[in-house]
Amino acid sequence: MVNLMRRIGEVAQADRAGRVTGVTVWLGALSHMSAEHFSGHFERAAIGTIAEGARLSVTISGDIHHANAQDILLEGVEVEVPDP
């Protein structure tokens, strides 16, 4: 989760975001995470960060033979950029 939050922060910084409004992740079939379990970890990890309160979208793969079946992948970050 630490690496995921760091990556979200990097994306937000590169986009000059005021806040992160949405995060999309893909859970591999062998990641041993349910969407609910992952959501709880995400919400706790996001407290005090630019991603606090962001909407989370989770896709769970059923393909145990996928090259990333054990991984959790960041698929997208939606941001809100403040007016200049």
PDB file of N, CA and C in Angstrom:
ATOM      1  N   MET A   1       0.823  -1.188   0.000  1.00  0.00           N
ATOM      2  CA  MET A   1       0.000   0.000   0.000  1.00  0.00           C
ATOM      3  C   MET A   1       0.872   1.258   0.000  1.00  0.00           C
ATOM      4  N   VAL A   2       2.010   1.183   0.660  1.00  0.00           N
ATOM      5  CA  VAL A   2       2.916   2.329   0.708  1.00  0.00           C
ATOM      6  C   VAL A   2       3.370   2.704  -0.703  1.00  0.00           C
ATOM      7  N   ASN A   3       3.750   1.711  -1.492  1.00  0.00           N
ATOM      8  CA  ASN A   3       4.187   1.985  -2.868  1.00  0.00           C
ATOM      9  C   ASN A   3       3.050   2.544  -3.716  1.00  0.00           C
ATOM     10  N   LEU A   4       1.852   2.024  -3.528  1.00  0.00           N
ATOM     11  CA  LEU A   4       0.693   2.514  -4.285  1.00  0.00           C
ATOM     12  C   LEU A   4       0.430   3.980  -3.943  1.00  0.00           C
ATOM     13  N   MET A   5       0.433   4.317  -2.667  1.00  0.00           N
ATOM     14  CA  MET A   5       0.182   5.705  -2.265  1.00  0.00           C
ATOM     15  C   MET A   5       1.288   6.626  -2.769  1.00  0.00           C
ATOM     16  N   ARG A   6       2.525   6.144  -2.772  1.00  0.00           N
ATOM     17  CA  ARG A   6       3.626   6.949  -3.302  1.00  0.00           C
ATOM     18  C   ARG A   6       3.413   7.221  -4.782  1.00  0.00           C
ATOM     19  N   ARG A   7       3.017   6.196  -5.520  1.00  0.00           N
ATOM     20  CA  ARG A   7       2.794   6.353  -6.966  1.00  0.00           C
ATOM     21  C   ARG A   7       1.630   7.305  -7.245  1.00  0.00           C
ATOM     22  N   ILE A   8       0.565   7.202  -6.470  1.00  0.00           N
ATOM     23  CA  ILE A   8      -0.568   8.124  -6.624  1.00  0.00           C
ATOM     24  C   ILE A   8      -0.101   9.554  -6.381  1.00  0.00           C
ATOM     25  N   GLY A   9       0.706   9.758  -5.366  1.00  0.00           N
ATOM     26  CA  GLY A   9       1.257  11.078  -5.085  1.00  0.00           C
ATOM     27  C   GLY A   9       2.118  11.603  -6.209  1.00  0.00           C
ATOM     28  N   GLU A  10       2.908  10.732  -6.808  1.00  0.00           N
ATOM     29  CA  GLU A  10       3.762  11.133  -7.937  1.00  0.00           C
ATOM     30  C   GLU A  10       2.920  11.568  -9.135  1.00  0.00           C
ATOM     31  N   VAL A  11       1.868  10.809  -9.421  1.00  0.00           N
ATOM     32  CA  VAL A  11       0.978  11.163 -10.540  1.00  0.00           C
ATOM     33  C   VAL A  11       0.313  12.508 -10.260  1.00  0.00           C
ATOM     34  N   ALA A  12      -0.175  12.682  -9.046  1.00  0.00           N
ATOM     35  CA  ALA A  12      -0.840  13.933  -8.681  1.00  0.00           C
ATOM     36  C   ALA A  12       0.116  15.115  -8.793  1.00  0.00           C
ATOM     37  N   GLN A  13       1.340  14.934  -8.327  1.00  0.00           N
ATOM     38  CA  GLN A  13       2.324  16.003  -8.407  1.00  0.00           C
ATOM     39  C   GLN A  13       2.652  16.343  -9.860  1.00  0.00           C
ATOM     40  N   ALA A  14       2.823  15.328 -10.695  1.00  0.00           N
ATOM     41  CA  ALA A  14       3.126  15.563 -12.115  1.00  0.00           C
ATOM     42  C   ALA A  14       1.994  16.304 -12.811  1.00  0.00           C
ATOM     43  N   ASP A  15       0.762  16.058 -12.364  1.00  0.00           N
ATOM     44  CA  ASP A  15      -0.412  16.720 -12.956  1.00  0.00           C
ATOM     45  C   ASP A  15      -0.731  18.045 -12.272  1.00  0.00           C
ATOM     46  N   ARG A  16       0.079  18.420 -11.271  1.00  0.00           N
ATOM     47  CA  ARG A  16      -0.128  19.649 -10.491  1.00  0.00           C
ATOM     48  C   ARG A  16      -1.526  19.674  -9.859  1.00  0.00           C
ATOM     49  N   ALA A  17      -1.914  18.527  -9.343  1.00  0.00           N
ATOM     50  CA  ALA A  17      -3.251  18.354  -8.790  1.00  0.00           C
ATOM     51  C   ALA A  17      -3.411  19.023  -7.440  1.00  0.00           C
ATOM     52  N   GLY A  18      -4.613  19.528  -7.213  1.00  0.00           N
ATOM     53  CA  GLY A  18      -4.963  20.026  -5.894  1.00  0.00           C
ATOM     54  C   GLY A  18      -5.411  18.882  -5.006  1.00  0.00           C
ATOM     55  N   ARG A  19      -6.042  17.898  -5.646  1.00  0.00           N
ATOM     56  CA  ARG A  19      -6.450  16.701  -4.920  1.00  0.00           C
ATOM     57  C   ARG A  19      -6.716  15.573  -5.909  1.00  0.00           C
ATOM     58  N   VAL A  20      -6.688  14.359  -5.395  1.00  0.00           N
ATOM     59  CA  VAL A  20      -7.022  13.168  -6.172  1.00  0.00           C
ATOM     60  C   VAL A  20      -8.492  12.886  -5.930  1.00  0.00           C
ATOM     61  N   THR A  21      -9.264  12.755  -7.006  1.00  0.00           N
ATOM     62  CA  THR A  21     -10.697  12.518  -6.871  1.00  0.00           C
ATOM     63  C   THR A  21     -11.079  11.065  -7.118  1.00  0.00           C
ATOM     64  N   GLY A  22     -10.230  10.319  -7.818  1.00  0.00           N
ATOM     65  CA  GLY A  22     -10.533   8.928  -8.101  1.00  0.00           C
ATOM     66  C   GLY A  22      -9.282   8.117  -8.351  1.00  0.00           C
ATOM     67  N   VAL A  23      -9.345   6.852  -7.962  1.00  0.00           N
ATOM     68  CA  VAL A  23      -8.233   5.924  -8.162  1.00  0.00           C
ATOM     69  C   VAL A  23      -8.817   4.618  -8.680  1.00  0.00           C
ATOM     70  N   THR A  24      -8.207   4.067  -9.728  1.00  0.00           N
ATOM     71  CA  THR A  24      -8.630   2.791 -10.294  1.00  0.00           C
ATOM     72  C   THR A  24      -7.490   1.795 -10.143  1.00  0.00           C
ATOM     73  N   VAL A  25      -7.799   0.642  -9.552  1.00  0.00           N
ATOM     74  CA  VAL A  25      -6.803  -0.403  -9.370  1.00  0.00           C
ATOM     75  C   VAL A  25      -7.318  -1.732  -9.908  1.00  0.00           C
ATOM     76  N   TRP A  26      -6.376  -2.597 -10.241  1.00  0.00           N
ATOM     77  CA  TRP A  26      -6.646  -3.951 -10.735  1.00  0.00           C
ATOM     78  C   TRP A  26      -6.013  -4.916  -9.755  1.00  0.00           C
ATOM     79  N   LEU A  27      -6.812  -5.842  -9.229  1.00  0.00           N
ATOM     80  CA  LEU A  27      -6.308  -6.842  -8.293  1.00  0.00           C
ATOM     81  C   LEU A  27      -6.160  -8.166  -9.014  1.00  0.00           C
ATOM     82  N   GLY A  28      -4.971  -8.701  -9.015  1.00  0.00           N
ATOM     83  CA  GLY A  28      -4.726  -9.998  -9.633  1.00  0.00           C
ATOM     84  C   GLY A  28      -5.458 -11.108  -8.890  1.00  0.00           C
ATOM     85  N   ALA A  29      -5.769 -12.166  -9.605  1.00  0.00           N
ATOM     86  CA  ALA A  29      -6.528 -13.285  -9.041  1.00  0.00           C
ATOM     87  C   ALA A  29      -5.817 -13.934  -7.859  1.00  0.00           C
ATOM     88  N   LEU A  30      -4.504 -13.833  -7.813  1.00  0.00           N
ATOM     89  CA  LEU A  30      -3.734 -14.437  -6.727  1.00  0.00           C
ATOM     90  C   LEU A  30      -3.192 -13.392  -5.744  1.00  0.00           C
ATOM     91  N   SER A  31      -3.767 -12.200  -5.759  1.00  0.00           N
ATOM     92  CA  SER A  31      -3.316 -11.143  -4.851  1.00  0.00           C
ATOM     93  C   SER A  31      -3.866 -11.346  -3.441  1.00  0.00           C
ATOM     94  N   HIS A  32      -4.812 -12.262  -3.297  1.00  0.00           N
ATOM     95  CA  HIS A  32      -5.411 -12.585  -2.003  1.00  0.00           C
ATOM     96  C   HIS A  32      -6.079 -11.380  -1.360  1.00  0.00           C
ATOM     97  N   MET A  33      -6.726 -10.559  -2.194  1.00  0.00           N
ATOM     98  CA  MET A  33      -7.436  -9.376  -1.711  1.00  0.00           C
ATOM     99  C   MET A  33      -8.832  -9.351  -2.311  1.00  0.00           C
ATOM    100  N   SER A  34      -9.811  -9.071  -1.481  1.00  0.00           N
ATOM    101  CA  SER A  34     -11.145  -8.782  -1.989  1.00  0.00           C
ATOM    102  C   SER A  34     -11.230  -7.269  -2.178  1.00  0.00           C
ATOM    103  N   ALA A  35     -12.204  -6.821  -2.931  1.00  0.00           N
ATOM    104  CA  ALA A  35     -12.387  -5.388  -3.138  1.00  0.00           C
ATOM    105  C   ALA A  35     -12.641  -4.686  -1.804  1.00  0.00           C
ATOM    106  N   GLU A  36     -13.433  -5.308  -0.931  1.00  0.00           N
ATOM    107  CA  GLU A  36     -13.755  -4.711   0.358  1.00  0.00           C
ATOM    108  C   GLU A  36     -12.508  -4.598   1.242  1.00  0.00           C
ATOM    109  N   HIS A  37     -11.722  -5.639   1.273  1.00  0.00           N
ATOM    110  CA  HIS A  37     -10.502  -5.650   2.074  1.00  0.00           C
ATOM    111  C   HIS A  37      -9.531  -4.577   1.562  1.00  0.00           C
ATOM    112  N   PHE A  38      -9.357  -4.521   0.251  1.00  0.00           N
ATOM    113  CA  PHE A  38      -8.464  -3.534  -0.334  1.00  0.00           C
ATOM    114  C   PHE A  38      -8.968  -2.122  -0.042  1.00  0.00           C
ATOM    115  N   SER A  39     -10.267  -1.907  -0.170  1.00  0.00           N
ATOM    116  CA  SER A  39     -10.846  -0.580   0.075  1.00  0.00           C
ATOM    117  C   SER A  39     -10.551  -0.090   1.484  1.00  0.00           C
ATOM    118  N   GLY A  40     -10.666  -0.980   2.460  1.00  0.00           N
ATOM    119  CA  GLY A  40     -10.363  -0.605   3.836  1.00  0.00           C
ATOM    120  C   GLY A  40      -8.917  -0.178   4.003  1.00  0.00           C
ATOM    121  N   HIS A  41      -8.005  -0.931   3.414  1.00  0.00           N
ATOM    122  CA  HIS A  41      -6.584  -0.575   3.479  1.00  0.00           C
ATOM    123  C   HIS A  41      -6.326   0.749   2.770  1.00  0.00           C
ATOM    124  N   PHE A  42      -6.955   0.940   1.619  1.00  0.00           N
ATOM    125  CA  PHE A  42      -6.768   2.173   0.867  1.00  0.00           C
ATOM    126  C   PHE A  42      -7.265   3.370   1.667  1.00  0.00           C
ATOM    127  N   GLU A  43      -8.448   3.270   2.228  1.00  0.00           N
ATOM    128  CA  GLU A  43      -9.007   4.392   2.985  1.00  0.00           C
ATOM    129  C   GLU A  43      -8.106   4.778   4.154  1.00  0.00           C
ATOM    130  N   ARG A  44      -7.576   3.797   4.861  1.00  0.00           N
ATOM    131  CA  ARG A  44      -6.677   4.092   5.984  1.00  0.00           C
ATOM    132  C   ARG A  44      -5.362   4.707   5.493  1.00  0.00           C
ATOM    133  N   ALA A  45      -4.819   4.178   4.410  1.00  0.00           N
ATOM    134  CA  ALA A  45      -3.544   4.685   3.884  1.00  0.00           C
ATOM    135  C   ALA A  45      -3.684   6.097   3.324  1.00  0.00           C
ATOM    136  N   ALA A  46      -4.869   6.452   2.839  1.00  0.00           N
ATOM    137  CA  ALA A  46      -5.081   7.756   2.206  1.00  0.00           C
ATOM    138  C   ALA A  46      -5.287   8.891   3.207  1.00  0.00           C
ATOM    139  N   ILE A  47      -5.559   8.552   4.463  1.00  0.00           N
ATOM    140  CA  ILE A  47      -5.802   9.597   5.471  1.00  0.00           C
ATOM    141  C   ILE A  47      -4.598  10.533   5.542  1.00  0.00           C
ATOM    142  N   GLY A  48      -4.881  11.824   5.400  1.00  0.00           N
ATOM    143  CA  GLY A  48      -3.831  12.836   5.477  1.00  0.00           C
ATOM    144  C   GLY A  48      -3.036  13.030   4.202  1.00  0.00           C
ATOM    145  N   THR A  49      -3.427  12.336   3.120  1.00  0.00           N
ATOM    146  CA  THR A  49      -2.727  12.479   1.837  1.00  0.00           C
ATOM    147  C   THR A  49      -3.625  13.195   0.834  1.00  0.00           C
ATOM    148  N   ILE A  50      -3.072  13.484  -0.302  1.00  0.00           N
ATOM    149  CA  ILE A  50      -3.814  14.132  -1.376  1.00  0.00           C
ATOM    150  C   ILE A  50      -4.945  13.240  -1.908  1.00  0.00           C
ATOM    151  N   ALA A  51      -4.885  11.955  -1.582  1.00  0.00           N
ATOM    152  CA  ALA A  51      -5.902  11.003  -2.050  1.00  0.00           C
ATOM    153  C   ALA A  51      -7.008  10.752  -1.026  1.00  0.00           C
ATOM    154  N   GLU A  52      -6.957  11.422   0.109  1.00  0.00           N
ATOM    155  CA  GLU A  52      -7.997  11.209   1.122  1.00  0.00           C
ATOM    156  C   GLU A  52      -9.366  11.567   0.542  1.00  0.00           C
ATOM    157  N   GLY A  53     -10.315  10.669   0.670  1.00  0.00           N
ATOM    158  CA  GLY A  53     -11.668  10.885   0.165  1.00  0.00           C
ATOM    159  C   GLY A  53     -11.861  10.543  -1.304  1.00  0.00           C
ATOM    160  N   ALA A  54     -10.812  10.077  -1.971  1.00  0.00           N
ATOM    161  CA  ALA A  54     -10.920   9.735  -3.392  1.00  0.00           C
ATOM    162  C   ALA A  54     -11.847   8.533  -3.591  1.00  0.00           C
ATOM    163  N   ARG A  55     -12.593   8.556  -4.688  1.00  0.00           N
ATOM    164  CA  ARG A  55     -13.437   7.430  -5.069  1.00  0.00           C
ATOM    165  C   ARG A  55     -12.521   6.317  -5.559  1.00  0.00           C
ATOM    166  N   LEU A  56     -12.764   5.113  -5.100  1.00  0.00           N
ATOM    167  CA  LEU A  56     -11.941   3.969  -5.475  1.00  0.00           C
ATOM    168  C   LEU A  56     -12.735   3.031  -6.365  1.00  0.00           C
ATOM    169  N   SER A  57     -12.146   2.667  -7.483  1.00  0.00           N
ATOM    170  CA  SER A  57     -12.737   1.690  -8.402  1.00  0.00           C
ATOM    171  C   SER A  57     -11.793   0.495  -8.480  1.00  0.00           C
ATOM    172  N   VAL A  58     -12.339  -0.701  -8.206  1.00  0.00           N
ATOM    173  CA  VAL A  58     -11.514  -1.908  -8.147  1.00  0.00           C
ATOM    174  C   VAL A  58     -12.012  -2.928  -9.156  1.00  0.00           C
ATOM    175  N   THR A  59     -11.098  -3.444  -9.959  1.00  0.00           N
ATOM    176  CA  THR A  59     -11.383  -4.557 -10.865  1.00  0.00           C
ATOM    177  C   THR A  59     -10.625  -5.767 -10.349  1.00  0.00           C
ATOM    178  N   ILE A  60     -11.314  -6.892 -10.261  1.00  0.00           N
ATOM    179  CA  ILE A  60     -10.677  -8.119  -9.789  1.00  0.00           C
ATOM    180  C   ILE A  60     -10.581  -9.103 -10.947  1.00  0.00           C
ATOM    181  N   SER A  61      -9.383  -9.558 -11.195  1.00  0.00           N
ATOM    182  CA  SER A  61      -9.151 -10.539 -12.251  1.00  0.00           C
ATOM    183  C   SER A  61      -9.456 -11.936 -11.728  1.00  0.00           C
ATOM    184  N   GLY A  62      -9.973 -12.774 -12.598  1.00  0.00           N
ATOM    185  CA  GLY A  62     -10.193 -14.164 -12.259  1.00  0.00           C
ATOM    186  C   GLY A  62      -9.183 -15.083 -12.919  1.00  0.00           C
ATOM    187  N   ASP A  63      -8.232 -14.498 -13.648  1.00  0.00           N
ATOM    188  CA  ASP A  63      -7.268 -15.263 -14.436  1.00  0.00           C
ATOM    189  C   ASP A  63      -6.016 -15.572 -13.615  1.00  0.00           C
ATOM    190  N   ILE A  64      -5.944 -16.784 -13.079  1.00  0.00           N
ATOM    191  CA  ILE A  64      -4.790 -17.155 -12.258  1.00  0.00           C
ATOM    192  C   ILE A  64      -3.514 -17.334 -13.075  1.00  0.00           C
ATOM    193  N   HIS A  65      -3.642 -17.366 -14.397  1.00  0.00           N
ATOM    194  CA  HIS A  65      -2.481 -17.538 -15.271  1.00  0.00           C
ATOM    195  C   HIS A  65      -1.971 -16.213 -15.839  1.00  0.00           C
ATOM    196  N   HIS A  66      -2.627 -15.126 -15.506  1.00  0.00           N
ATOM    197  CA  HIS A  66      -2.207 -13.805 -15.974  1.00  0.00           C
ATOM    198  C   HIS A  66      -0.803 -13.517 -15.431  1.00  0.00           C
ATOM    199  N   ALA A  67       0.017 -12.838 -16.206  1.00  0.00           N
ATOM    200  CA  ALA A  67       1.394 -12.528 -15.800  1.00  0.00           C
ATOM    201  C   ALA A  67       1.454 -11.743 -14.492  1.00  0.00           C
ATOM    202  N   ASN A  68       0.409 -10.972 -14.191  1.00  0.00           N
ATOM    203  CA  ASN A  68       0.378 -10.169 -12.970  1.00  0.00           C
ATOM    204  C   ASN A  68      -0.641 -10.692 -11.963  1.00  0.00           C
ATOM    205  N   ALA A  69      -0.893 -11.976 -11.974  1.00  0.00           N
ATOM    206  CA  ALA A  69      -1.933 -12.565 -11.128  1.00  0.00           C
ATOM    207  C   ALA A  69      -1.702 -12.326  -9.637  1.00  0.00           C
ATOM    208  N   GLN A  70      -0.468 -12.112  -9.216  1.00  0.00           N
ATOM    209  CA  GLN A  70      -0.172 -11.886  -7.797  1.00  0.00           C
ATOM    210  C   GLN A  70      -0.092 -10.410  -7.441  1.00  0.00           C
ATOM    211  N   ASP A  71      -0.310  -9.549  -8.400  1.00  0.00           N
ATOM    212  CA  ASP A  71      -0.051  -8.122  -8.220  1.00  0.00           C
ATOM    213  C   ASP A  71      -1.306  -7.286  -8.033  1.00  0.00           C
ATOM    214  N   ILE A  72      -1.074  -6.080  -7.553  1.00  0.00           N
ATOM    215  CA  ILE A  72      -2.080  -5.028  -7.492  1.00  0.00           C
ATOM    216  C   ILE A  72      -1.535  -3.903  -8.366  1.00  0.00           C
ATOM    217  N   LEU A  73      -2.273  -3.550  -9.401  1.00  0.00           N
ATOM    218  CA  LEU A  73      -1.791  -2.568 -10.372  1.00  0.00           C
ATOM    219  C   LEU A  73      -2.617  -1.289 -10.329  1.00  0.00           C
ATOM    220  N   LEU A  74      -1.946  -0.166 -10.348  1.00  0.00           N
ATOM    221  CA  LEU A  74      -2.594   1.130 -10.451  1.00  0.00           C
ATOM    222  C   LEU A  74      -2.933   1.354 -11.915  1.00  0.00           C
ATOM    223  N   GLU A  75      -4.220   1.467 -12.198  1.00  0.00           N
ATOM    224  CA  GLU A  75      -4.645   1.662 -13.589  1.00  0.00           C
ATOM    225  C   GLU A  75      -4.924   3.117 -13.927  1.00  0.00           C
ATOM    226  N   GLY A  76      -5.333   3.898 -12.949  1.00  0.00           N
ATOM    227  CA  GLY A  76      -5.647   5.283 -13.252  1.00  0.00           C
ATOM    228  C   GLY A  76      -5.785   6.135 -12.011  1.00  0.00           C
ATOM    229  N   VAL A  77      -5.516   7.423 -12.197  1.00  0.00           N
ATOM    230  CA  VAL A  77      -5.666   8.413 -11.134  1.00  0.00           C
ATOM    231  C   VAL A  77      -6.388   9.610 -11.733  1.00  0.00           C
ATOM    232  N   GLU A  78      -7.511   9.971 -11.136  1.00  0.00           N
ATOM    233  CA  GLU A  78      -8.248  11.165 -11.556  1.00  0.00           C
ATOM    234  C   GLU A  78      -7.933  12.276 -10.571  1.00  0.00           C
ATOM    235  N   VAL A  79      -7.656  13.452 -11.106  1.00  0.00           N
ATOM    236  CA  VAL A  79      -7.261  14.566 -10.252  1.00  0.00           C
ATOM    237  C   VAL A  79      -8.107  15.815 -10.526  1.00  0.00           C
ATOM    238  N   GLU A  80      -8.072  16.679  -9.558  1.00  0.00           N
ATOM    239  CA  GLU A  80      -8.680  17.988  -9.680  1.00  0.00           C
ATOM    240  C   GLU A  80      -7.553  19.006  -9.638  1.00  0.00           C
ATOM    241  N   VAL A  81      -7.450  19.790 -10.688  1.00  0.00           N
ATOM    242  CA  VAL A  81      -6.367  20.776 -10.782  1.00  0.00           C
ATOM    243  C   VAL A  81      -6.944  22.149 -10.444  1.00  0.00           C
ATOM    244  N   PRO A  82      -6.343  22.854  -9.483  1.00  0.00           N
ATOM    245  CA  PRO A  82      -6.855  24.174  -9.114  1.00  0.00           C
ATOM    246  C   PRO A  82      -6.670  25.182 -10.250  1.00  0.00           C
ATOM    247  N   ASP A  83      -7.563  26.148 -10.294  1.00  0.00           N
ATOM    248  CA  ASP A  83      -7.421  27.223 -11.288  1.00  0.00           C
ATOM    249  C   ASP A  83      -6.165  28.018 -10.990  1.00  0.00           C
ATOM    250  N   PRO A  84      -5.484  28.465 -12.057  1.00  0.00           N
ATOM    251  CA  PRO A  84      -4.239  29.236 -11.845  1.00  0.00           C
ATOM    252  C   PRO A  84      -4.475  30.572 -11.201  1.00  0.00           C
TER     253      PRO A  84
END
